[in-house]
Amino acid sequence: MANKGDLVYVPAESQLWKLNEKGAPHKQKVTTKPQNVLVTSPSPHASWGQQSVQVLIEGEYWFVNEREVYPVRDNMKEATNDQAS
């Protein structure tokens, strides 16, 4: 589960949406390129059947299906930890 402040990878062709004040989707778009983005809020409940997270993409807040995002790992830190063991 992605948490607020996590850096996640969103692949190209991921569907994004915004919710209106009643919580229904009202604006959608599909990403054209893969991006690393910041999680601004985990969804406290499933939005119309999908567990989602709110992310900041290109200066705007969007929701994305949590199954479509992947954690960005700190490879340098993990490499150092692997060498220490």
Protein backbone atom coordinates (compact mmCIF):
# COMPACT_ATOMS: atom_id res chain seq x y z
CA MET A 1 0.00 0.00 0.00
CA ALA A 2 1.33 3.42 -0.94
CA ASN A 3 1.43 6.04 1.80
CA LYS A 4 1.44 9.82 1.76
CA GLY A 5 4.91 11.05 0.83
CA ASP A 6 5.95 7.87 -1.01
CA LEU A 7 7.59 8.17 -4.39
CA VAL A 8 5.95 5.79 -6.86
CA TYR A 9 6.40 4.84 -10.50
CA VAL A 10 3.38 5.27 -12.78
CA PRO A 11 3.77 3.46 -16.13
CA ALA A 12 2.74 4.92 -19.49
CA GLU A 13 -0.88 4.21 -20.44
CA SER A 14 -2.10 4.40 -16.81
CA GLN A 15 -5.59 5.80 -16.38
CA LEU A 16 -5.91 8.85 -14.11
CA TRP A 17 -9.07 10.54 -12.89
CA LYS A 18 -10.33 13.42 -10.76
CA LEU A 19 -13.36 13.25 -8.50
CA ASN A 20 -16.10 15.84 -8.15
CA GLU A 21 -17.37 17.07 -4.78
CA LYS A 22 -19.73 14.06 -4.57
CA GLY A 23 -16.84 11.62 -5.06
CA ALA A 24 -17.76 10.60 -8.60
CA PRO A 25 -15.19 10.61 -11.41
CA HIS A 26 -15.60 13.64 -13.65
CA LYS A 27 -12.31 14.06 -15.53
CA GLN A 28 -10.00 11.39 -16.91
CA LYS A 29 -6.76 11.10 -18.82
CA VAL A 30 -4.18 8.46 -19.71
CA THR A 31 -0.48 8.98 -19.07
CA THR A 32 1.66 9.18 -22.20
CA LYS A 33 5.00 8.45 -20.55
CA PRO A 34 6.21 6.64 -17.42
CA GLN A 35 6.83 8.94 -14.46
CA ASN A 36 7.98 8.94 -10.86
CA VAL A 37 5.38 10.84 -8.82
CA LEU A 38 4.58 11.75 -5.23
CA VAL A 39 1.67 10.14 -3.37
CA THR A 40 -0.29 12.97 -1.76
CA SER A 41 -3.00 10.88 -0.15
CA PRO A 42 -3.94 7.22 0.06
CA SER A 43 -7.62 6.70 -0.67
CA PRO A 44 -9.46 5.87 2.58
CA HIS A 45 -11.94 3.78 0.59
CA ALA A 46 -12.31 2.31 -2.86
CA SER A 47 -13.37 4.84 -5.46
CA TRP A 48 -16.10 3.28 -7.61
CA GLY A 49 -14.72 -0.19 -7.10
CA GLN A 50 -10.99 0.59 -7.31
CA GLN A 51 -8.52 1.08 -4.48
CA SER A 52 -6.74 4.28 -5.48
CA VAL A 53 -4.12 6.77 -4.39
CA GLN A 54 -3.93 10.48 -5.07
CA VAL A 55 -0.72 11.56 -6.80
CA LEU A 56 0.81 14.80 -8.00
CA ILE A 57 1.46 14.63 -11.76
CA GLU A 58 2.54 17.64 -13.80
CA GLY A 59 1.35 20.08 -11.13
CA GLU A 60 -2.13 18.55 -10.75
CA TYR A 61 -3.69 16.12 -8.28
CA TRP A 62 -5.06 12.92 -9.84
CA PHE A 63 -6.24 9.53 -8.62
CA VAL A 64 -4.72 6.35 -10.02
CA ASN A 65 -5.54 2.70 -9.36
CA GLU A 66 -3.16 1.54 -6.64
CA ARG A 67 -2.45 -1.66 -8.60
CA GLU A 68 -0.94 0.47 -11.39
CA VAL A 69 1.75 2.13 -9.23
CA TYR A 70 5.03 0.66 -8.04
CA PRO A 71 7.29 1.84 -5.21
CA VAL A 72 10.49 3.60 -6.25
CA ARG A 73 13.32 1.85 -4.47
CA ASP A 74 16.47 3.48 -3.26
CA ASN A 75 18.88 1.17 -5.11
CA MET A 76 21.98 2.82 -3.66
CA LYS A 77 20.74 2.27 -0.09
CA GLU A 78 19.71 -1.32 -0.84
CA ALA A 79 23.06 -2.06 -2.51
CA THR A 80 24.90 -0.76 0.57
CA ASN A 81 22.73 -2.90 2.87
CA ASP A 82 23.32 -5.97 0.68
CA GLN A 83 27.10 -5.50 0.84
CA ALA A 84 27.04 -5.14 4.63
CA SER A 85 25.39 -8.55 5.11
